[in-house]
């Protein structure tokens, strides 16, 4: 850091398994990626190329090379996986991962109906060649699962080979673990934490109020995802108690 302050919470160091920040890249240019890494590289652990943006990005290989040179893992959004599955192109999807030399893959079923046993089989198969993250929760606002269902699905996917499970929220933060207003479904989160280790859950939290809530609940080293690139530095100040929202949280009482 640029200068010393007392009573700053200790952050885990990269490569992290806890305290991770996943960034949502929705179409940055290579030059924007370079600028982003120059400023926020130390604080980003993994980048998701949102949904199927990789399909239409004309400079995809150039972007991936920049992230790779910086030592930042990248994976394609789970919606792209679903786009391949619904078209019966699973083998093509695996070839895609190999073509772009990706070391991570997301398995999700937020937009399609997929038998959960089959989803777990995909996780197990992909885990033989890449690090798998899997997403639990639907993108359909009408599909509201009970907490015990979330727990069952998360436990099964971790057992199948997921490195961690993502709690669905979309890039807008108004679905899944959140109400349509963006408010955290607190009872659901508390229930999940009774059965799932917190370090195995990556909470999608694109909004500042959501990030603040999880930091106050689980500390500076909570795993947070779907963070916009321009919100990386602000998020890190939230984690360290250097923004008004968490200013007093880490100070000695």
C-alpha atoms as a PDB file:
ATOM      1  CA  UNK A   1       0.000   0.000   0.000  1.00  0.00           C
ATOM      2  CA  UNK A   2       1.076   3.600  -0.440  1.00  0.00           C
ATOM      3  CA  UNK A   3       1.236   4.438   3.262  1.00  0.00           C
ATOM      4  CA  UNK A   4       0.612   2.924   6.690  1.00  0.00           C
ATOM      5  CA  UNK A   5      -2.633   2.847   8.656  1.00  0.00           C
ATOM      6  CA  UNK A   6      -3.315   0.939  11.866  1.00  0.00           C
ATOM      7  CA  UNK A   7      -6.303  -1.362  12.367  1.00  0.00           C
ATOM      8  CA  UNK A   8      -6.612  -2.451   8.761  1.00  0.00           C
ATOM      9  CA  UNK A   9      -7.956  -6.002   8.364  1.00  0.00           C
ATOM     10  CA  UNK A  10      -5.463  -8.489   6.951  1.00  0.00           C
ATOM     11  CA  UNK A  11      -6.238  -9.565   3.404  1.00  0.00           C
ATOM     12  CA  UNK A  12      -5.340 -12.959   2.032  1.00  0.00           C
ATOM     13  CA  UNK A  13      -2.672 -12.914  -0.668  1.00  0.00           C
ATOM     14  CA  UNK A  14      -2.872 -14.110  -4.261  1.00  0.00           C
ATOM     15  CA  UNK A  15      -3.291 -16.838  -5.279  1.00  0.00           C
ATOM     16  CA  UNK A  16      -6.274 -16.806  -2.940  1.00  0.00           C
ATOM     17  CA  UNK A  17      -8.786 -19.509  -2.165  1.00  0.00           C
ATOM     18  CA  UNK A  18     -10.679 -17.196   0.177  1.00  0.00           C
ATOM     19  CA  UNK A  19     -11.253 -13.475  -0.120  1.00  0.00           C
ATOM     20  CA  UNK A  20     -11.528 -13.796  -3.887  1.00  0.00           C
ATOM     21  CA  UNK A  21     -12.860 -11.118  -6.203  1.00  0.00           C
ATOM     22  CA  UNK A  22     -14.372 -12.201  -9.503  1.00  0.00           C
ATOM     23  CA  UNK A  23     -14.700  -9.463 -12.115  1.00  0.00           C
ATOM     24  CA  UNK A  24     -17.366  -9.386 -14.790  1.00  0.00           C
ATOM     25  CA  UNK A  25     -15.906  -8.320 -18.141  1.00  0.00           C
ATOM     26  CA  UNK A  26     -18.879  -7.477 -20.363  1.00  0.00           C
ATOM     27  CA  UNK A  27     -16.874  -6.336 -23.367  1.00  0.00           C
ATOM     28  CA  UNK A  28     -13.737  -4.444 -22.402  1.00  0.00           C
ATOM     29  CA  UNK A  29     -11.350  -3.616 -25.226  1.00  0.00           C
ATOM     30  CA  UNK A  30      -7.751  -4.863 -25.020  1.00  0.00           C
ATOM     31  CA  UNK A  31      -6.600  -1.352 -24.164  1.00  0.00           C
ATOM     32  CA  UNK A  32      -9.206  -1.116 -21.409  1.00  0.00           C
ATOM     33  CA  UNK A  33      -8.052  -4.489 -20.057  1.00  0.00           C
ATOM     34  CA  UNK A  34      -4.457  -3.222 -19.945  1.00  0.00           C
ATOM     35  CA  UNK A  35      -5.516  -0.060 -18.095  1.00  0.00           C
ATOM     36  CA  UNK A  36      -7.714  -2.062 -15.736  1.00  0.00           C
ATOM     37  CA  UNK A  37      -4.903  -4.485 -14.871  1.00  0.00           C
ATOM     38  CA  UNK A  38      -2.410  -1.655 -14.352  1.00  0.00           C
ATOM     39  CA  UNK A  39      -4.606  -0.113 -11.673  1.00  0.00           C
ATOM     40  CA  UNK A  40      -6.536  -3.044 -10.174  1.00  0.00           C
ATOM     41  CA  UNK A  41      -4.573  -6.161 -11.121  1.00  0.00           C
ATOM     42  CA  UNK A  42      -3.445  -6.950  -7.551  1.00  0.00           C
ATOM     43  CA  UNK A  43      -7.059  -7.076  -6.392  1.00  0.00           C
ATOM     44  CA  UNK A  44      -8.660  -9.279  -9.055  1.00  0.00           C
ATOM     45  CA  UNK A  45      -8.429 -13.055  -8.746  1.00  0.00           C
ATOM     46  CA  UNK A  46     -10.445 -14.256 -11.717  1.00  0.00           C
ATOM     47  CA  UNK A  47     -12.343 -12.732 -14.627  1.00  0.00           C
ATOM     48  CA  UNK A  48     -15.586 -13.936 -16.161  1.00  0.00           C
ATOM     49  CA  UNK A  49     -16.355 -12.931 -19.736  1.00  0.00           C
ATOM     50  CA  UNK A  50     -20.045 -12.339 -19.138  1.00  0.00           C
ATOM     51  CA  UNK A  51     -22.670 -14.754 -20.483  1.00  0.00           C
ATOM     52  CA  UNK A  52     -21.800 -15.312 -24.200  1.00  0.00           C
ATOM     53  CA  UNK A  53     -19.941 -12.070 -24.913  1.00  0.00           C
ATOM     54  CA  UNK A  54     -16.933 -14.146 -25.960  1.00  0.00           C
ATOM     55  CA  UNK A  55     -18.900 -15.277 -29.026  1.00  0.00           C
ATOM     56  CA  UNK A  56     -19.086 -11.763 -30.481  1.00  0.00           C
ATOM     57  CA  UNK A  57     -15.852 -10.234 -29.175  1.00  0.00           C
ATOM     58  CA  UNK A  58     -13.667  -9.660 -32.264  1.00  0.00           C
ATOM     59  CA  UNK A  59     -10.379  -9.385 -30.337  1.00  0.00           C
ATOM     60  CA  UNK A  60     -10.975 -12.314 -27.997  1.00  0.00           C
ATOM     61  CA  UNK A  61      -7.573 -13.971 -28.348  1.00  0.00           C
ATOM     62  CA  UNK A  62      -5.798 -10.658 -27.837  1.00  0.00           C
ATOM     63  CA  UNK A  63      -7.795 -10.004 -24.655  1.00  0.00           C
ATOM     64  CA  UNK A  64      -7.153 -13.490 -23.295  1.00  0.00           C
ATOM     65  CA  UNK A  65      -3.416 -13.091 -23.950  1.00  0.00           C
ATOM     66  CA  UNK A  66      -3.345  -9.880 -21.895  1.00  0.00           C
ATOM     67  CA  UNK A  67      -5.096 -11.518 -18.945  1.00  0.00           C
ATOM     68  CA  UNK A  68      -2.831 -14.563 -19.209  1.00  0.00           C
ATOM     69  CA  UNK A  69       0.328 -12.429 -19.231  1.00  0.00           C
ATOM     70  CA  UNK A  70      -0.908 -10.781 -16.033  1.00  0.00           C
ATOM     71  CA  UNK A  71      -1.514 -14.174 -14.391  1.00  0.00           C
ATOM     72  CA  UNK A  72      -5.265 -13.608 -14.128  1.00  0.00           C
ATOM     73  CA  UNK A  73      -7.438 -16.670 -14.906  1.00  0.00           C
ATOM     74  CA  UNK A  74     -10.391 -16.158 -17.241  1.00  0.00           C
ATOM     75  CA  UNK A  75     -13.480 -18.228 -17.894  1.00  0.00           C
ATOM     76  CA  UNK A  76     -16.494 -17.961 -20.172  1.00  0.00           C
ATOM     77  CA  UNK A  77     -19.854 -17.215 -18.568  1.00  0.00           C
ATOM     78  CA  UNK A  78     -22.146 -20.089 -17.693  1.00  0.00           C
ATOM     79  CA  UNK A  79     -24.751 -18.961 -20.209  1.00  0.00           C
ATOM     80  CA  UNK A  80     -22.316 -19.901 -22.982  1.00  0.00           C
ATOM     81  CA  UNK A  81     -22.012 -23.399 -21.505  1.00  0.00           C
ATOM     82  CA  UNK A  82     -25.813 -23.615 -21.534  1.00  0.00           C
ATOM     83  CA  UNK A  83     -25.930 -22.400 -25.149  1.00  0.00           C
ATOM     84  CA  UNK A  84     -23.708 -25.317 -26.150  1.00  0.00           C
ATOM     85  CA  UNK A  85     -25.629 -27.841 -24.044  1.00  0.00           C
ATOM     86  CA  UNK A  86     -29.071 -26.930 -25.368  1.00  0.00           C
ATOM     87  CA  UNK A  87     -27.690 -27.383 -28.908  1.00  0.00           C
ATOM     88  CA  UNK A  88     -26.182 -30.786 -28.052  1.00  0.00           C
ATOM     89  CA  UNK A  89     -22.650 -29.432 -28.568  1.00  0.00           C
ATOM     90  CA  UNK A  90     -20.948 -30.462 -25.335  1.00  0.00           C
ATOM     91  CA  UNK A  91     -17.927 -31.929 -27.113  1.00  0.00           C
ATOM     92  CA  UNK A  92     -17.618 -28.691 -29.081  1.00  0.00           C
ATOM     93  CA  UNK A  93     -17.610 -26.806 -25.779  1.00  0.00           C
ATOM     94  CA  UNK A  94     -14.710 -28.896 -24.488  1.00  0.00           C
ATOM     95  CA  UNK A  95     -12.826 -28.285 -27.708  1.00  0.00           C
ATOM     96  CA  UNK A  96     -13.471 -24.563 -27.245  1.00  0.00           C
ATOM     97  CA  UNK A  97     -11.828 -24.624 -23.810  1.00  0.00           C
ATOM     98  CA  UNK A  98      -8.831 -26.387 -25.312  1.00  0.00           C
ATOM     99  CA  UNK A  99      -8.630 -24.020 -28.291  1.00  0.00           C
ATOM    100  CA  UNK A 100      -8.384 -20.962 -26.050  1.00  0.00           C
ATOM    101  CA  UNK A 101      -6.316 -22.795 -23.399  1.00  0.00           C
ATOM    102  CA  UNK A 102      -8.701 -21.906 -20.592  1.00  0.00           C
ATOM    103  CA  UNK A 103      -8.025 -23.446 -17.204  1.00  0.00           C
ATOM    104  CA  UNK A 104     -11.472 -22.710 -15.752  1.00  0.00           C
ATOM    105  CA  UNK A 105     -15.049 -23.385 -16.808  1.00  0.00           C
ATOM    106  CA  UNK A 106     -18.449 -22.490 -15.396  1.00  0.00           C
ATOM    107  CA  UNK A 107     -21.284 -24.996 -15.336  1.00  0.00           C
ATOM    108  CA  UNK A 108     -24.724 -23.473 -14.823  1.00  0.00           C
ATOM    109  CA  UNK A 109     -28.379 -24.063 -15.581  1.00  0.00           C
ATOM    110  CA  UNK A 110     -29.864 -20.648 -14.917  1.00  0.00           C
ATOM    111  CA  UNK A 111     -31.445 -20.319 -18.373  1.00  0.00           C
ATOM    112  CA  UNK A 112     -32.186 -23.937 -19.288  1.00  0.00           C
ATOM    113  CA  UNK A 113     -33.877 -26.914 -17.671  1.00  0.00           C
ATOM    114  CA  UNK A 114     -31.134 -29.423 -16.919  1.00  0.00           C
ATOM    115  CA  UNK A 115     -31.480 -32.574 -14.861  1.00  0.00           C
ATOM    116  CA  UNK A 116     -29.317 -32.004 -11.808  1.00  0.00           C
ATOM    117  CA  UNK A 117     -27.665 -35.406 -11.983  1.00  0.00           C
ATOM    118  CA  UNK A 118     -26.676 -34.604 -15.559  1.00  0.00           C
ATOM    119  CA  UNK A 119     -25.337 -31.226 -14.457  1.00  0.00           C
ATOM    120  CA  UNK A 120     -23.176 -32.972 -11.857  1.00  0.00           C
ATOM    121  CA  UNK A 121     -21.932 -35.376 -14.533  1.00  0.00           C
ATOM    122  CA  UNK A 122     -20.825 -32.400 -16.634  1.00  0.00           C
ATOM    123  CA  UNK A 123     -19.042 -30.980 -13.577  1.00  0.00           C
ATOM    124  CA  UNK A 124     -17.235 -34.252 -12.900  1.00  0.00           C
ATOM    125  CA  UNK A 125     -16.208 -34.650 -16.523  1.00  0.00           C
ATOM    126  CA  UNK A 126     -14.941 -31.086 -16.912  1.00  0.00           C
ATOM    127  CA  UNK A 127     -13.113 -31.247 -13.582  1.00  0.00           C
ATOM    128  CA  UNK A 128     -10.775 -33.790 -15.179  1.00  0.00           C
ATOM    129  CA  UNK A 129      -9.372 -31.079 -17.470  1.00  0.00           C
ATOM    130  CA  UNK A 130     -10.103 -27.681 -15.873  1.00  0.00           C
ATOM    131  CA  UNK A 131     -11.032 -26.048 -12.580  1.00  0.00           C
ATOM    132  CA  UNK A 132     -14.825 -26.000 -12.460  1.00  0.00           C
ATOM    133  CA  UNK A 133     -17.006 -23.397 -10.829  1.00  0.00           C
ATOM    134  CA  UNK A 134     -20.717 -24.064 -10.824  1.00  0.00           C
ATOM    135  CA  UNK A 135     -23.598 -21.689 -10.396  1.00  0.00           C
ATOM    136  CA  UNK A 136     -26.699 -22.424  -8.353  1.00  0.00           C
ATOM    137  CA  UNK A 137     -29.908 -20.471  -8.810  1.00  0.00           C
ATOM    138  CA  UNK A 138     -32.193 -19.567 -11.675  1.00  0.00           C
ATOM    139  CA  UNK A 139     -32.292 -16.408 -13.783  1.00  0.00           C
ATOM    140  CA  UNK A 140     -36.081 -16.768 -13.791  1.00  0.00           C
ATOM    141  CA  UNK A 141     -37.524 -14.481 -11.110  1.00  0.00           C
ATOM    142  CA  UNK A 142     -40.515 -16.811 -10.772  1.00  0.00           C
ATOM    143  CA  UNK A 143     -38.308 -19.785  -9.872  1.00  0.00           C
ATOM    144  CA  UNK A 144     -37.726 -19.310  -6.127  1.00  0.00           C
ATOM    145  CA  UNK A 145     -36.073 -22.239  -4.362  1.00  0.00           C
ATOM    146  CA  UNK A 146     -36.332 -23.041  -0.677  1.00  0.00           C
ATOM    147  CA  UNK A 147     -33.071 -22.846   1.304  1.00  0.00           C
ATOM    148  CA  UNK A 148     -32.859 -26.633   1.693  1.00  0.00           C
ATOM    149  CA  UNK A 149     -32.921 -26.954  -2.107  1.00  0.00           C
ATOM    150  CA  UNK A 150     -30.045 -24.516  -2.484  1.00  0.00           C
ATOM    151  CA  UNK A 151     -28.090 -26.521   0.103  1.00  0.00           C
ATOM    152  CA  UNK A 152     -28.753 -29.857  -1.572  1.00  0.00           C
ATOM    153  CA  UNK A 153     -27.696 -28.545  -4.966  1.00  0.00           C
ATOM    154  CA  UNK A 154     -24.556 -26.845  -3.664  1.00  0.00           C
ATOM    155  CA  UNK A 155     -23.424 -29.882  -1.690  1.00  0.00           C
ATOM    156  CA  UNK A 156     -23.977 -32.164  -4.675  1.00  0.00           C
ATOM    157  CA  UNK A 157     -22.040 -29.890  -7.027  1.00  0.00           C
ATOM    158  CA  UNK A 158     -19.124 -29.549  -4.646  1.00  0.00           C
ATOM    159  CA  UNK A 159     -19.075 -33.331  -4.283  1.00  0.00           C
ATOM    160  CA  UNK A 160     -19.156 -33.664  -8.070  1.00  0.00           C
ATOM    161  CA  UNK A 161     -15.979 -31.618  -8.414  1.00  0.00           C
ATOM    162  CA  UNK A 162     -16.783 -27.907  -8.313  1.00  0.00           C
ATOM    163  CA  UNK A 163     -13.975 -25.888  -6.759  1.00  0.00           C
ATOM    164  CA  UNK A 164     -16.562 -23.460  -5.452  1.00  0.00           C
ATOM    165  CA  UNK A 165     -20.223 -22.727  -6.048  1.00  0.00           C
ATOM    166  CA  UNK A 166     -21.552 -19.386  -7.216  1.00  0.00           C
ATOM    167  CA  UNK A 167     -24.720 -18.024  -5.645  1.00  0.00           C
ATOM    168  CA  UNK A 168     -26.728 -16.622  -8.576  1.00  0.00           C
ATOM    169  CA  UNK A 169     -27.602 -12.934  -8.731  1.00  0.00           C
ATOM    170  CA  UNK A 170     -27.095 -11.999 -12.417  1.00  0.00           C
ATOM    171  CA  UNK A 171     -25.027  -8.953 -13.310  1.00  0.00           C
ATOM    172  CA  UNK A 172     -27.854  -6.727 -12.056  1.00  0.00           C
ATOM    173  CA  UNK A 173     -28.038  -8.196  -8.532  1.00  0.00           C
ATOM    174  CA  UNK A 174     -31.820  -8.548  -8.335  1.00  0.00           C
ATOM    175  CA  UNK A 175     -32.468 -12.280  -8.478  1.00  0.00           C
ATOM    176  CA  UNK A 176     -31.413 -15.529  -6.802  1.00  0.00           C
ATOM    177  CA  UNK A 177     -29.971 -14.619  -3.401  1.00  0.00           C
ATOM    178  CA  UNK A 178     -31.534 -11.162  -3.718  1.00  0.00           C
ATOM    179  CA  UNK A 179     -35.062  -9.845  -3.919  1.00  0.00           C
ATOM    180  CA  UNK A 180     -36.023  -7.874  -7.014  1.00  0.00           C
ATOM    181  CA  UNK A 181     -35.207  -4.707  -5.064  1.00  0.00           C
ATOM    182  CA  UNK A 182     -31.601  -5.864  -4.640  1.00  0.00           C
ATOM    183  CA  UNK A 183     -32.088  -6.591  -0.932  1.00  0.00           C
ATOM    184  CA  UNK A 184     -30.247  -9.666   0.349  1.00  0.00           C
ATOM    185  CA  UNK A 185     -32.408 -12.672   1.202  1.00  0.00           C
ATOM    186  CA  UNK A 186     -30.779 -12.798   4.607  1.00  0.00           C
ATOM    187  CA  UNK A 187     -32.549 -15.906   5.865  1.00  0.00           C
ATOM    188  CA  UNK A 188     -31.425 -17.831   2.788  1.00  0.00           C
ATOM    189  CA  UNK A 189     -27.802 -16.761   3.202  1.00  0.00           C
ATOM    190  CA  UNK A 190     -27.795 -17.677   6.890  1.00  0.00           C
ATOM    191  CA  UNK A 191     -29.256 -21.100   6.101  1.00  0.00           C
ATOM    192  CA  UNK A 192     -26.651 -21.764   3.407  1.00  0.00           C
ATOM    193  CA  UNK A 193     -23.856 -20.953   5.829  1.00  0.00           C
ATOM    194  CA  UNK A 194     -25.055 -23.603   8.275  1.00  0.00           C
ATOM    195  CA  UNK A 195     -24.147 -26.341   5.761  1.00  0.00           C
ATOM    196  CA  UNK A 196     -21.771 -24.871   3.169  1.00  0.00           C
ATOM    197  CA  UNK A 197     -18.305 -23.574   4.160  1.00  0.00           C
ATOM    198  CA  UNK A 198     -18.189 -19.858   3.412  1.00  0.00           C
ATOM    199  CA  UNK A 199     -14.870 -20.218   1.573  1.00  0.00           C
ATOM    200  CA  UNK A 200     -16.613 -22.526  -0.924  1.00  0.00           C
ATOM    201  CA  UNK A 201     -19.257 -19.977  -1.910  1.00  0.00           C
ATOM    202  CA  UNK A 202     -18.701 -17.077  -4.270  1.00  0.00           C
ATOM    203  CA  UNK A 203     -21.466 -14.546  -3.696  1.00  0.00           C
ATOM    204  CA  UNK A 204     -22.425 -12.538  -6.760  1.00  0.00           C
ATOM    205  CA  UNK A 205     -22.673  -8.994  -5.425  1.00  0.00           C
ATOM    206  CA  UNK A 206     -22.563  -6.320  -8.122  1.00  0.00           C
ATOM    207  CA  UNK A 207     -24.105  -3.593  -5.946  1.00  0.00           C
ATOM    208  CA  UNK A 208     -22.222  -1.683  -3.241  1.00  0.00           C
ATOM    209  CA  UNK A 209     -24.924  -2.300  -0.607  1.00  0.00           C
ATOM    210  CA  UNK A 210     -24.695  -6.047  -1.277  1.00  0.00           C
ATOM    211  CA  UNK A 211     -20.898  -6.040  -1.026  1.00  0.00           C
ATOM    212  CA  UNK A 212     -21.122  -4.113   2.242  1.00  0.00           C
ATOM    213  CA  UNK A 213     -23.620  -6.557   3.709  1.00  0.00           C
ATOM    214  CA  UNK A 214     -21.441  -9.583   2.992  1.00  0.00           C
ATOM    215  CA  UNK A 215     -18.264  -7.904   4.244  1.00  0.00           C
ATOM    216  CA  UNK A 216     -19.975  -7.035   7.518  1.00  0.00           C
ATOM    217  CA  UNK A 217     -21.297 -10.580   7.826  1.00  0.00           C
ATOM    218  CA  UNK A 218     -18.228 -12.583   6.786  1.00  0.00           C
ATOM    219  CA  UNK A 219     -15.312 -10.178   6.995  1.00  0.00           C
ATOM    220  CA  UNK A 220     -12.809  -8.641   4.607  1.00  0.00           C
ATOM    221  CA  UNK A 221     -12.015 -11.999   3.004  1.00  0.00           C
ATOM    222  CA  UNK A 222     -15.444 -12.977   1.767  1.00  0.00           C
ATOM    223  CA  UNK A 223     -15.587 -14.246  -1.836  1.00  0.00           C
ATOM    224  CA  UNK A 224     -17.437 -11.750  -4.035  1.00  0.00           C
ATOM    225  CA  UNK A 225     -18.255 -11.855  -7.738  1.00  0.00           C
ATOM    226  CA  UNK A 226     -19.828 -10.055 -10.693  1.00  0.00           C
ATOM    227  CA  UNK A 227     -17.866  -6.949  -9.762  1.00  0.00           C
ATOM    228  CA  UNK A 228     -17.677  -4.320 -12.526  1.00  0.00           C
ATOM    229  CA  UNK A 229     -14.067  -3.499 -13.471  1.00  0.00           C
ATOM    230  CA  UNK A 230     -14.387   0.116 -12.386  1.00  0.00           C
ATOM    231  CA  UNK A 231     -15.601  -1.018  -8.952  1.00  0.00           C
ATOM    232  CA  UNK A 232     -12.497  -3.058  -8.013  1.00  0.00           C
ATOM    233  CA  UNK A 233     -10.666  -0.286  -6.163  1.00  0.00           C
ATOM    234  CA  UNK A 234     -13.860   0.889  -4.395  1.00  0.00           C
ATOM    235  CA  UNK A 235     -14.564  -2.707  -3.333  1.00  0.00           C
ATOM    236  CA  UNK A 236     -11.083  -3.121  -1.909  1.00  0.00           C
ATOM    237  CA  UNK A 237     -11.571   0.003   0.211  1.00  0.00           C
ATOM    238  CA  UNK A 238     -14.833  -1.500   1.470  1.00  0.00           C
ATOM    239  CA  UNK A 239     -12.968  -4.676   2.406  1.00  0.00           C
ATOM    240  CA  UNK A 240     -10.396  -2.648   4.345  1.00  0.00           C
ATOM    241  CA  UNK A 241     -12.835  -0.378   6.190  1.00  0.00           C
ATOM    242  CA  UNK A 242     -11.750   2.678   4.232  1.00  0.00           C
ATOM    243  CA  UNK A 243     -15.134   3.692   2.868  1.00  0.00           C
ATOM    244  CA  UNK A 244     -17.953   5.133   4.927  1.00  0.00           C
ATOM    245  CA  UNK A 245     -20.107   2.016   4.583  1.00  0.00           C
ATOM    246  CA  UNK A 246     -17.575  -0.144   6.516  1.00  0.00           C
ATOM    247  CA  UNK A 247     -15.528   2.651   8.113  1.00  0.00           C
ATOM    248  CA  UNK A 248     -16.209   1.666  11.744  1.00  0.00           C
ATOM    249  CA  UNK A 249     -16.604  -2.069  11.206  1.00  0.00           C
ATOM    250  CA  UNK A 250     -12.947  -3.068  11.648  1.00  0.00           C
ATOM    251  CA  UNK A 251     -11.930  -0.471  14.220  1.00  0.00           C
ATOM    252  CA  UNK A 252     -11.234  -1.654  17.758  1.00  0.00           C
ATOM    253  CA  UNK A 253     -14.270  -1.061  19.899  1.00  0.00           C
END
